[in-house]
């Protein structure tokens, strides 16, 4: 005769801990890593599209890290600190703000 006893409670606790703690953490880490890779790619590509005279402009491409505390809406953001890039990257017509002249 074989006597088999299963203790499911410790296994359930371990699985609950995994879902509650580790999956959000791993997701946030992965998203942050991808965001940093995207930032580096954007920084490499910008000099191919624009004449960069001030290397500090490239530092304006920054990453907002993902946090496991935002679970289940975890996100990482790659953004531009300086708004001057937006009209150039998106295209369009640039008009002077106050006078009839616009510096090029």
C-alpha atoms as a PDB file:
ATOM      1  CA  UNK A   1       0.000   0.000   0.000  1.00  0.00           C
ATOM      2  CA  UNK A   2       1.255   3.467  -0.924  1.00  0.00           C
ATOM      3  CA  UNK A   3       0.345   6.403   1.268  1.00  0.00           C
ATOM      4  CA  UNK A   4       0.584   9.746  -0.555  1.00  0.00           C
ATOM      5  CA  UNK A   5       0.193  13.106   1.136  1.00  0.00           C
ATOM      6  CA  UNK A   6       0.157  16.337  -0.854  1.00  0.00           C
ATOM      7  CA  UNK A   7       0.735  19.676   0.779  1.00  0.00           C
ATOM      8  CA  UNK A   8      -0.691  22.167  -1.636  1.00  0.00           C
ATOM      9  CA  UNK A   9      -0.577  25.265   0.615  1.00  0.00           C
ATOM     10  CA  UNK A  10       3.200  25.903   0.352  1.00  0.00           C
ATOM     11  CA  UNK A  11       3.008  25.484  -3.409  1.00  0.00           C
ATOM     12  CA  UNK A  12       0.049  27.905  -3.606  1.00  0.00           C
ATOM     13  CA  UNK A  13       1.941  30.480  -1.521  1.00  0.00           C
ATOM     14  CA  UNK A  14       4.979  30.191  -3.768  1.00  0.00           C
ATOM     15  CA  UNK A  15       2.864  30.635  -6.907  1.00  0.00           C
ATOM     16  CA  UNK A  16       1.006  33.613  -5.418  1.00  0.00           C
ATOM     17  CA  UNK A  17       4.340  35.213  -4.538  1.00  0.00           C
ATOM     18  CA  UNK A  18       5.580  34.602  -8.055  1.00  0.00           C
ATOM     19  CA  UNK A  19       2.534  36.229  -9.637  1.00  0.00           C
ATOM     20  CA  UNK A  20       2.403  39.098  -7.144  1.00  0.00           C
ATOM     21  CA  UNK A  21       6.109  39.975  -6.992  1.00  0.00           C
ATOM     22  CA  UNK A  22       8.307  38.396  -9.612  1.00  0.00           C
ATOM     23  CA  UNK A  23       6.271  38.716 -12.806  1.00  0.00           C
ATOM     24  CA  UNK A  24       5.703  42.491 -12.402  1.00  0.00           C
ATOM     25  CA  UNK A  25       9.395  42.942 -11.539  1.00  0.00           C
ATOM     26  CA  UNK A  26      10.592  40.942 -14.553  1.00  0.00           C
ATOM     27  CA  UNK A  27       8.176  42.776 -16.851  1.00  0.00           C
ATOM     28  CA  UNK A  28       9.368  46.173 -15.630  1.00  0.00           C
ATOM     29  CA  UNK A  29      13.009  45.142 -16.022  1.00  0.00           C
ATOM     30  CA  UNK A  30      12.425  43.892 -19.573  1.00  0.00           C
ATOM     31  CA  UNK A  31      10.547  47.028 -20.627  1.00  0.00           C
ATOM     32  CA  UNK A  32      13.223  49.282 -19.156  1.00  0.00           C
ATOM     33  CA  UNK A  33      15.948  47.345 -20.957  1.00  0.00           C
ATOM     34  CA  UNK A  34      14.115  47.657 -24.285  1.00  0.00           C
ATOM     35  CA  UNK A  35      13.591  51.395 -23.674  1.00  0.00           C
ATOM     36  CA  UNK A  36      17.328  51.929 -23.113  1.00  0.00           C
ATOM     37  CA  UNK A  37      18.080  50.013 -26.322  1.00  0.00           C
ATOM     38  CA  UNK A  38      15.581  52.203 -28.188  1.00  0.00           C
ATOM     39  CA  UNK A  39      17.142  55.354 -26.710  1.00  0.00           C
ATOM     40  CA  UNK A  40      20.584  54.275 -27.861  1.00  0.00           C
ATOM     41  CA  UNK A  41      19.267  53.550 -31.346  1.00  0.00           C
ATOM     42  CA  UNK A  42      17.593  56.965 -31.587  1.00  0.00           C
ATOM     43  CA  UNK A  43      20.827  58.634 -30.450  1.00  0.00           C
ATOM     44  CA  UNK A  44      22.744  56.764 -33.167  1.00  0.00           C
ATOM     45  CA  UNK A  45      20.210  57.588 -35.898  1.00  0.00           C
ATOM     46  CA  UNK A  46      19.790  61.332 -35.206  1.00  0.00           C
ATOM     47  CA  UNK A  47      23.212  62.344 -36.598  1.00  0.00           C
ATOM     48  CA  UNK A  48      22.333  60.549 -39.833  1.00  0.00           C
ATOM     49  CA  UNK A  49      19.209  62.689 -40.245  1.00  0.00           C
ATOM     50  CA  UNK A  50      20.398  66.008 -38.805  1.00  0.00           C
ATOM     51  CA  UNK A  51      23.586  68.012 -38.543  1.00  0.00           C
ATOM     52  CA  UNK A  52      24.332  67.837 -34.835  1.00  0.00           C
ATOM     53  CA  UNK A  53      26.550  70.692 -33.698  1.00  0.00           C
ATOM     54  CA  UNK A  54      25.794  70.354 -30.009  1.00  0.00           C
ATOM     55  CA  UNK A  55      26.264  66.838 -28.625  1.00  0.00           C
ATOM     56  CA  UNK A  56      24.181  67.851 -25.620  1.00  0.00           C
ATOM     57  CA  UNK A  57      21.082  67.629 -27.796  1.00  0.00           C
ATOM     58  CA  UNK A  58      21.545  63.878 -28.038  1.00  0.00           C
ATOM     59  CA  UNK A  59      21.417  63.665 -24.260  1.00  0.00           C
ATOM     60  CA  UNK A  60      17.901  65.079 -24.514  1.00  0.00           C
ATOM     61  CA  UNK A  61      16.685  61.632 -25.636  1.00  0.00           C
ATOM     62  CA  UNK A  62      15.841  60.105 -22.276  1.00  0.00           C
ATOM     63  CA  UNK A  63      14.172  57.087 -20.723  1.00  0.00           C
ATOM     64  CA  UNK A  64      11.400  56.931 -18.169  1.00  0.00           C
ATOM     65  CA  UNK A  65      11.929  53.643 -16.369  1.00  0.00           C
ATOM     66  CA  UNK A  66       9.156  51.100 -15.839  1.00  0.00           C
ATOM     67  CA  UNK A  67       8.119  50.296 -12.280  1.00  0.00           C
ATOM     68  CA  UNK A  68       6.567  47.109 -10.937  1.00  0.00           C
ATOM     69  CA  UNK A  69       4.381  49.278  -8.693  1.00  0.00           C
ATOM     70  CA  UNK A  70       2.374  50.259 -11.787  1.00  0.00           C
ATOM     71  CA  UNK A  71       1.253  46.663 -12.355  1.00  0.00           C
ATOM     72  CA  UNK A  72      -0.691  45.751 -14.490  1.00  0.00           C
ATOM     73  CA  UNK A  73      -0.138  49.000 -16.433  1.00  0.00           C
ATOM     74  CA  UNK A  74       3.659  48.822 -16.487  1.00  0.00           C
ATOM     75  CA  UNK A  75       5.293  51.028 -19.125  1.00  0.00           C
ATOM     76  CA  UNK A  76       8.639  52.538 -20.024  1.00  0.00           C
ATOM     77  CA  UNK A  77       8.898  55.757 -22.016  1.00  0.00           C
ATOM     78  CA  UNK A  78      11.496  57.013 -24.481  1.00  0.00           C
ATOM     79  CA  UNK A  79      11.073  60.732 -24.942  1.00  0.00           C
ATOM     80  CA  UNK A  80      12.661  63.991 -25.965  1.00  0.00           C
ATOM     81  CA  UNK A  81      13.481  66.517 -23.277  1.00  0.00           C
ATOM     82  CA  UNK A  82      13.691  69.364 -25.801  1.00  0.00           C
ATOM     83  CA  UNK A  83      10.567  70.167 -27.795  1.00  0.00           C
ATOM     84  CA  UNK A  84      12.638  71.592 -30.676  1.00  0.00           C
ATOM     85  CA  UNK A  85      13.003  68.133 -32.241  1.00  0.00           C
ATOM     86  CA  UNK A  86       9.280  67.562 -32.665  1.00  0.00           C
ATOM     87  CA  UNK A  87       8.633  69.741 -35.753  1.00  0.00           C
ATOM     88  CA  UNK A  88      11.778  68.416 -37.444  1.00  0.00           C
ATOM     89  CA  UNK A  89      11.050  64.756 -36.899  1.00  0.00           C
ATOM     90  CA  UNK A  90       7.353  64.988 -37.720  1.00  0.00           C
ATOM     91  CA  UNK A  91       7.799  67.317 -40.689  1.00  0.00           C
ATOM     92  CA  UNK A  92       5.609  70.235 -41.625  1.00  0.00           C
ATOM     93  CA  UNK A  93       5.860  73.976 -42.158  1.00  0.00           C
ATOM     94  CA  UNK A  94       7.736  76.102 -39.628  1.00  0.00           C
ATOM     95  CA  UNK A  95       6.565  79.690 -39.274  1.00  0.00           C
ATOM     96  CA  UNK A  96       8.133  82.531 -37.290  1.00  0.00           C
ATOM     97  CA  UNK A  97       6.546  83.183 -33.916  1.00  0.00           C
ATOM     98  CA  UNK A  98       6.565  87.006 -33.776  1.00  0.00           C
ATOM     99  CA  UNK A  99       8.144  88.612 -36.829  1.00  0.00           C
ATOM    100  CA  UNK A 100       8.193  87.922 -40.537  1.00  0.00           C
ATOM    101  CA  UNK A 101      11.678  86.411 -40.314  1.00  0.00           C
ATOM    102  CA  UNK A 102      12.676  83.002 -39.082  1.00  0.00           C
ATOM    103  CA  UNK A 103      16.247  81.891 -38.373  1.00  0.00           C
ATOM    104  CA  UNK A 104      17.298  78.829 -40.319  1.00  0.00           C
END
